[in-house]
Amino acid sequence: MLAISVMVETYPDFSQKYLEAARGQAKNSLTKEKGCLCFTVHTNKKDPNRFFLYEKYATKEDLMEIHNNTPYIAAYRELTEPWLKSKEIVIWEPLSNEK
């Protein structure tokens, strides 16, 4: 298993559009990818232009070969990229087992 964190800051005029697109992407990943175990979208209460996406995948292949190559992730990236002021993606590998 591995986890992904995505920190995003949007331009102010696009925060609501980004939130809607991110929620749609989360739904696609959770319903169409058996290896997607979790996909949550968070917003910063003090800054509505900042978002945190948390994703978990069963295997590295589920992320790298399936998720990253779906047509809907390509469409999501193309749609949202102009709205982003910044984006940081970090892949995390577990050091302990979950229960």
N, C-alpha and C. Protein backbone atom coordinates (compact mmCIF):
# COMPACT_ATOMS: atom_id res chain seq x y z
N MET A 1 0.83 -1.17 0.00
CA MET A 1 0.00 0.00 0.00
C MET A 1 0.88 1.24 0.00
N LEU A 2 0.36 2.31 -0.61
CA LEU A 2 1.04 3.59 -0.52
C LEU A 2 0.01 4.71 -0.51
N ALA A 3 0.41 5.84 0.00
CA ALA A 3 -0.47 6.99 0.11
C ALA A 3 0.11 8.15 -0.70
N ILE A 4 -0.79 9.00 -1.14
CA ILE A 4 -0.41 10.19 -1.91
C ILE A 4 -1.00 11.40 -1.21
N SER A 5 -0.20 12.43 -1.05
CA SER A 5 -0.73 13.72 -0.60
C SER A 5 -0.53 14.72 -1.72
N VAL A 6 -1.56 15.50 -1.97
CA VAL A 6 -1.49 16.54 -2.99
C VAL A 6 -1.92 17.85 -2.34
N MET A 7 -1.01 18.79 -2.29
CA MET A 7 -1.30 20.12 -1.74
C MET A 7 -1.46 21.06 -2.93
N VAL A 8 -2.61 21.74 -2.97
CA VAL A 8 -2.94 22.59 -4.11
C VAL A 8 -3.35 23.97 -3.61
N GLU A 9 -2.90 24.99 -4.32
CA GLU A 9 -3.42 26.34 -4.11
C GLU A 9 -3.95 26.81 -5.45
N THR A 10 -5.21 27.25 -5.46
CA THR A 10 -5.83 27.73 -6.68
C THR A 10 -5.81 29.26 -6.72
N TYR A 11 -5.99 29.79 -7.92
CA TYR A 11 -6.24 31.22 -8.03
C TYR A 11 -7.65 31.47 -7.49
N PRO A 12 -7.88 32.60 -6.82
CA PRO A 12 -9.16 32.83 -6.14
C PRO A 12 -10.41 32.63 -6.99
N ASP A 13 -10.37 33.00 -8.23
CA ASP A 13 -11.56 32.87 -9.08
C ASP A 13 -11.91 31.43 -9.40
N PHE A 14 -11.02 30.49 -9.09
CA PHE A 14 -11.23 29.10 -9.50
C PHE A 14 -11.40 28.11 -8.34
N SER A 15 -11.44 28.59 -7.11
CA SER A 15 -11.48 27.65 -5.99
C SER A 15 -12.74 26.78 -5.99
N GLN A 16 -13.89 27.34 -6.28
CA GLN A 16 -15.13 26.55 -6.28
C GLN A 16 -15.13 25.55 -7.44
N LYS A 17 -14.66 25.98 -8.61
CA LYS A 17 -14.59 25.07 -9.75
C LYS A 17 -13.62 23.92 -9.46
N TYR A 18 -12.49 24.26 -8.82
CA TYR A 18 -11.52 23.22 -8.49
C TYR A 18 -12.13 22.22 -7.50
N LEU A 19 -12.80 22.71 -6.50
CA LEU A 19 -13.42 21.82 -5.51
C LEU A 19 -14.39 20.84 -6.19
N GLU A 20 -15.20 21.33 -7.08
CA GLU A 20 -16.15 20.47 -7.80
C GLU A 20 -15.41 19.43 -8.65
N ALA A 21 -14.37 19.85 -9.34
CA ALA A 21 -13.59 18.93 -10.17
C ALA A 21 -12.87 17.89 -9.32
N ALA A 22 -12.31 18.31 -8.20
CA ALA A 22 -11.60 17.37 -7.32
C ALA A 22 -12.55 16.34 -6.72
N ARG A 23 -13.73 16.78 -6.34
CA ARG A 23 -14.73 15.83 -5.83
C ARG A 23 -15.14 14.82 -6.91
N GLY A 24 -15.27 15.30 -8.13
CA GLY A 24 -15.59 14.39 -9.24
C GLY A 24 -14.47 13.40 -9.49
N GLN A 25 -13.24 13.87 -9.40
CA GLN A 25 -12.09 12.98 -9.58
C GLN A 25 -12.04 11.93 -8.48
N ALA A 26 -12.31 12.34 -7.26
CA ALA A 26 -12.33 11.39 -6.14
C ALA A 26 -13.38 10.31 -6.38
N LYS A 27 -14.56 10.72 -6.81
CA LYS A 27 -15.63 9.75 -7.08
C LYS A 27 -15.23 8.79 -8.20
N ASN A 28 -14.64 9.31 -9.27
CA ASN A 28 -14.18 8.44 -10.36
C ASN A 28 -13.17 7.42 -9.87
N SER A 29 -12.18 7.88 -9.13
CA SER A 29 -11.14 6.97 -8.67
C SER A 29 -11.70 5.90 -7.74
N LEU A 30 -12.57 6.31 -6.83
CA LEU A 30 -13.12 5.36 -5.86
C LEU A 30 -14.07 4.34 -6.51
N THR A 31 -14.80 4.75 -7.53
CA THR A 31 -15.78 3.84 -8.13
C THR A 31 -15.26 3.07 -9.32
N LYS A 32 -14.21 3.55 -9.97
CA LYS A 32 -13.73 2.92 -11.20
C LYS A 32 -12.39 2.21 -11.06
N GLU A 33 -11.71 2.40 -9.94
CA GLU A 33 -10.38 1.79 -9.74
C GLU A 33 -10.42 0.91 -8.50
N LYS A 34 -10.35 -0.40 -8.71
CA LYS A 34 -10.44 -1.30 -7.55
C LYS A 34 -9.26 -1.11 -6.59
N GLY A 35 -8.13 -0.63 -7.07
CA GLY A 35 -6.96 -0.43 -6.22
C GLY A 35 -6.95 0.87 -5.45
N CYS A 36 -7.92 1.75 -5.72
CA CYS A 36 -8.01 3.01 -4.97
C CYS A 36 -8.78 2.75 -3.69
N LEU A 37 -8.10 2.83 -2.57
CA LEU A 37 -8.68 2.52 -1.27
C LEU A 37 -9.27 3.74 -0.56
N CYS A 38 -8.79 4.91 -0.91
CA CYS A 38 -9.22 6.14 -0.24
C CYS A 38 -8.89 7.32 -1.14
N PHE A 39 -9.79 8.27 -1.20
CA PHE A 39 -9.53 9.52 -1.94
C PHE A 39 -10.40 10.58 -1.29
N THR A 40 -9.81 11.42 -0.47
CA THR A 40 -10.56 12.47 0.21
C THR A 40 -10.04 13.84 -0.19
N VAL A 41 -10.96 14.78 -0.27
CA VAL A 41 -10.64 16.15 -0.63
C VAL A 41 -10.90 17.02 0.59
N HIS A 42 -9.92 17.81 0.96
CA HIS A 42 -10.02 18.68 2.14
C HIS A 42 -9.76 20.12 1.69
N THR A 43 -10.35 21.06 2.43
CA THR A 43 -10.07 22.47 2.19
C THR A 43 -9.61 23.12 3.48
N ASN A 44 -8.89 24.20 3.35
CA ASN A 44 -8.38 24.93 4.50
C ASN A 44 -9.44 25.96 4.92
N LYS A 45 -9.92 25.88 6.15
CA LYS A 45 -10.97 26.79 6.62
C LYS A 45 -10.53 28.25 6.61
N LYS A 46 -9.25 28.50 6.78
CA LYS A 46 -8.75 29.88 6.81
C LYS A 46 -8.42 30.40 5.41
N ASP A 47 -8.23 29.51 4.45
CA ASP A 47 -7.89 29.91 3.09
C ASP A 47 -8.62 29.01 2.11
N PRO A 48 -9.75 29.45 1.55
CA PRO A 48 -10.54 28.61 0.67
C PRO A 48 -9.89 28.30 -0.67
N ASN A 49 -8.71 28.84 -0.91
CA ASN A 49 -7.99 28.56 -2.15
C ASN A 49 -6.96 27.45 -1.98
N ARG A 50 -6.87 26.88 -0.79
CA ARG A 50 -5.90 25.81 -0.51
C ARG A 50 -6.64 24.50 -0.27
N PHE A 51 -6.13 23.43 -0.91
CA PHE A 51 -6.76 22.12 -0.83
C PHE A 51 -5.70 21.06 -0.52
N PHE A 52 -6.16 20.00 0.12
CA PHE A 52 -5.33 18.85 0.43
C PHE A 52 -6.09 17.62 -0.03
N LEU A 53 -5.49 16.85 -0.92
CA LEU A 53 -6.08 15.59 -1.38
C LEU A 53 -5.26 14.46 -0.78
N TYR A 54 -5.95 13.48 -0.23
CA TYR A 54 -5.30 12.32 0.38
C TYR A 54 -5.83 11.08 -0.33
N GLU A 55 -4.90 10.29 -0.88
CA GLU A 55 -5.27 9.10 -1.63
C GLU A 55 -4.47 7.91 -1.13
N LYS A 56 -5.09 6.73 -1.15
CA LYS A 56 -4.39 5.49 -0.80
C LYS A 56 -4.66 4.47 -1.90
N TYR A 57 -3.62 3.75 -2.26
CA TYR A 57 -3.70 2.72 -3.29
C TYR A 57 -3.14 1.41 -2.77
N ALA A 58 -3.75 0.31 -3.20
CA ALA A 58 -3.35 -1.01 -2.72
C ALA A 58 -1.91 -1.34 -3.12
N THR A 59 -1.53 -0.99 -4.35
CA THR A 59 -0.18 -1.28 -4.84
C THR A 59 0.36 -0.09 -5.62
N LYS A 60 1.64 -0.09 -5.84
CA LYS A 60 2.28 0.94 -6.65
C LYS A 60 1.73 0.91 -8.07
N GLU A 61 1.47 -0.27 -8.58
CA GLU A 61 0.92 -0.41 -9.94
C GLU A 61 -0.48 0.21 -10.04
N ASP A 62 -1.28 0.09 -8.97
CA ASP A 62 -2.61 0.69 -8.97
C ASP A 62 -2.53 2.20 -9.16
N LEU A 63 -1.50 2.81 -8.63
CA LEU A 63 -1.31 4.25 -8.80
C LEU A 63 -0.64 4.56 -10.14
N MET A 64 0.52 3.98 -10.36
CA MET A 64 1.36 4.38 -11.50
C MET A 64 0.83 3.90 -12.85
N GLU A 65 0.29 2.69 -12.89
CA GLU A 65 -0.12 2.13 -14.18
C GLU A 65 -1.61 2.26 -14.45
N ILE A 66 -2.42 2.26 -13.40
CA ILE A 66 -3.87 2.35 -13.61
C ILE A 66 -4.35 3.79 -13.43
N HIS A 67 -4.27 4.31 -12.21
CA HIS A 67 -4.78 5.64 -11.91
C HIS A 67 -4.18 6.71 -12.84
N ASN A 68 -2.88 6.75 -12.93
CA ASN A 68 -2.22 7.81 -13.71
C ASN A 68 -2.48 7.73 -15.20
N ASN A 69 -3.02 6.63 -15.69
CA ASN A 69 -3.25 6.46 -17.13
C ASN A 69 -4.72 6.40 -17.52
N THR A 70 -5.61 6.77 -16.61
CA THR A 70 -7.03 6.77 -16.96
C THR A 70 -7.37 8.02 -17.76
N PRO A 71 -8.36 7.91 -18.65
CA PRO A 71 -8.74 9.10 -19.42
C PRO A 71 -9.33 10.20 -18.54
N TYR A 72 -9.99 9.84 -17.46
CA TYR A 72 -10.57 10.88 -16.61
C TYR A 72 -9.52 11.63 -15.80
N ILE A 73 -8.40 11.00 -15.44
CA ILE A 73 -7.35 11.75 -14.74
C ILE A 73 -6.67 12.72 -15.72
N ALA A 74 -6.51 12.30 -16.97
CA ALA A 74 -5.94 13.19 -17.98
C ALA A 74 -6.85 14.40 -18.20
N ALA A 75 -8.16 14.17 -18.28
CA ALA A 75 -9.11 15.26 -18.47
C ALA A 75 -9.12 16.19 -17.26
N TYR A 76 -9.06 15.61 -16.06
CA TYR A 76 -9.03 16.40 -14.82
C TYR A 76 -7.79 17.29 -14.78
N ARG A 77 -6.65 16.74 -15.10
CA ARG A 77 -5.41 17.52 -15.08
C ARG A 77 -5.47 18.65 -16.10
N GLU A 78 -5.94 18.35 -17.29
CA GLU A 78 -6.03 19.37 -18.34
C GLU A 78 -6.99 20.49 -17.94
N LEU A 79 -8.12 20.12 -17.35
CA LEU A 79 -9.11 21.10 -16.93
C LEU A 79 -8.59 21.99 -15.81
N THR A 80 -7.99 21.39 -14.78
CA THR A 80 -7.65 22.14 -13.56
C THR A 80 -6.29 22.83 -13.60
N GLU A 81 -5.38 22.39 -14.43
CA GLU A 81 -4.01 22.94 -14.43
C GLU A 81 -3.98 24.47 -14.54
N PRO A 82 -4.78 25.09 -15.41
CA PRO A 82 -4.74 26.57 -15.49
C PRO A 82 -5.27 27.27 -14.23
N TRP A 83 -5.99 26.56 -13.38
CA TRP A 83 -6.57 27.15 -12.17
C TRP A 83 -5.59 27.15 -11.01
N LEU A 84 -4.46 26.43 -11.14
CA LEU A 84 -3.57 26.20 -10.01
C LEU A 84 -2.45 27.22 -9.92
N LYS A 85 -2.31 27.76 -8.73
CA LYS A 85 -1.17 28.63 -8.42
C LYS A 85 0.04 27.78 -8.05
N SER A 86 -0.22 26.67 -7.33
CA SER A 86 0.86 25.74 -6.97
C SER A 86 0.27 24.36 -6.72
N LYS A 87 1.14 23.36 -6.83
CA LYS A 87 0.74 21.98 -6.57
C LYS A 87 1.98 21.19 -6.15
N GLU A 88 1.83 20.42 -5.08
CA GLU A 88 2.91 19.55 -4.61
C GLU A 88 2.34 18.15 -4.39
N ILE A 89 2.96 17.17 -5.04
CA ILE A 89 2.53 15.77 -4.90
C ILE A 89 3.64 15.00 -4.20
N VAL A 90 3.27 14.27 -3.15
CA VAL A 90 4.24 13.44 -2.43
C VAL A 90 3.68 12.03 -2.32
N ILE A 91 4.51 11.04 -2.62
CA ILE A 91 4.14 9.63 -2.48
C ILE A 91 4.74 9.14 -1.17
N TRP A 92 3.89 8.49 -0.36
CA TRP A 92 4.30 8.01 0.96
C TRP A 92 4.20 6.50 1.01
N GLU A 93 5.23 5.86 1.55
CA GLU A 93 5.20 4.41 1.76
C GLU A 93 5.08 4.15 3.26
N PRO A 94 4.25 3.19 3.65
CA PRO A 94 4.02 2.95 5.08
C PRO A 94 5.24 2.34 5.75
N LEU A 95 5.43 2.72 6.99
CA LEU A 95 6.50 2.14 7.82
C LEU A 95 5.94 1.24 8.89
N SER A 96 4.62 1.24 9.03
CA SER A 96 3.96 0.36 10.00
C SER A 96 2.66 -0.14 9.38
N ASN A 97 2.14 -1.21 9.93
CA ASN A 97 0.89 -1.79 9.43
C ASN A 97 -0.31 -1.13 10.08
N GLU A 98 -1.37 -0.94 9.27
CA GLU A 98 -2.62 -0.43 9.79
C GLU A 98 -3.45 -1.58 10.32
N LYS A 99 -4.32 -1.29 11.23
CA LYS A 99 -5.27 -2.29 11.72
C LYS A 99 -6.67 -1.84 11.44
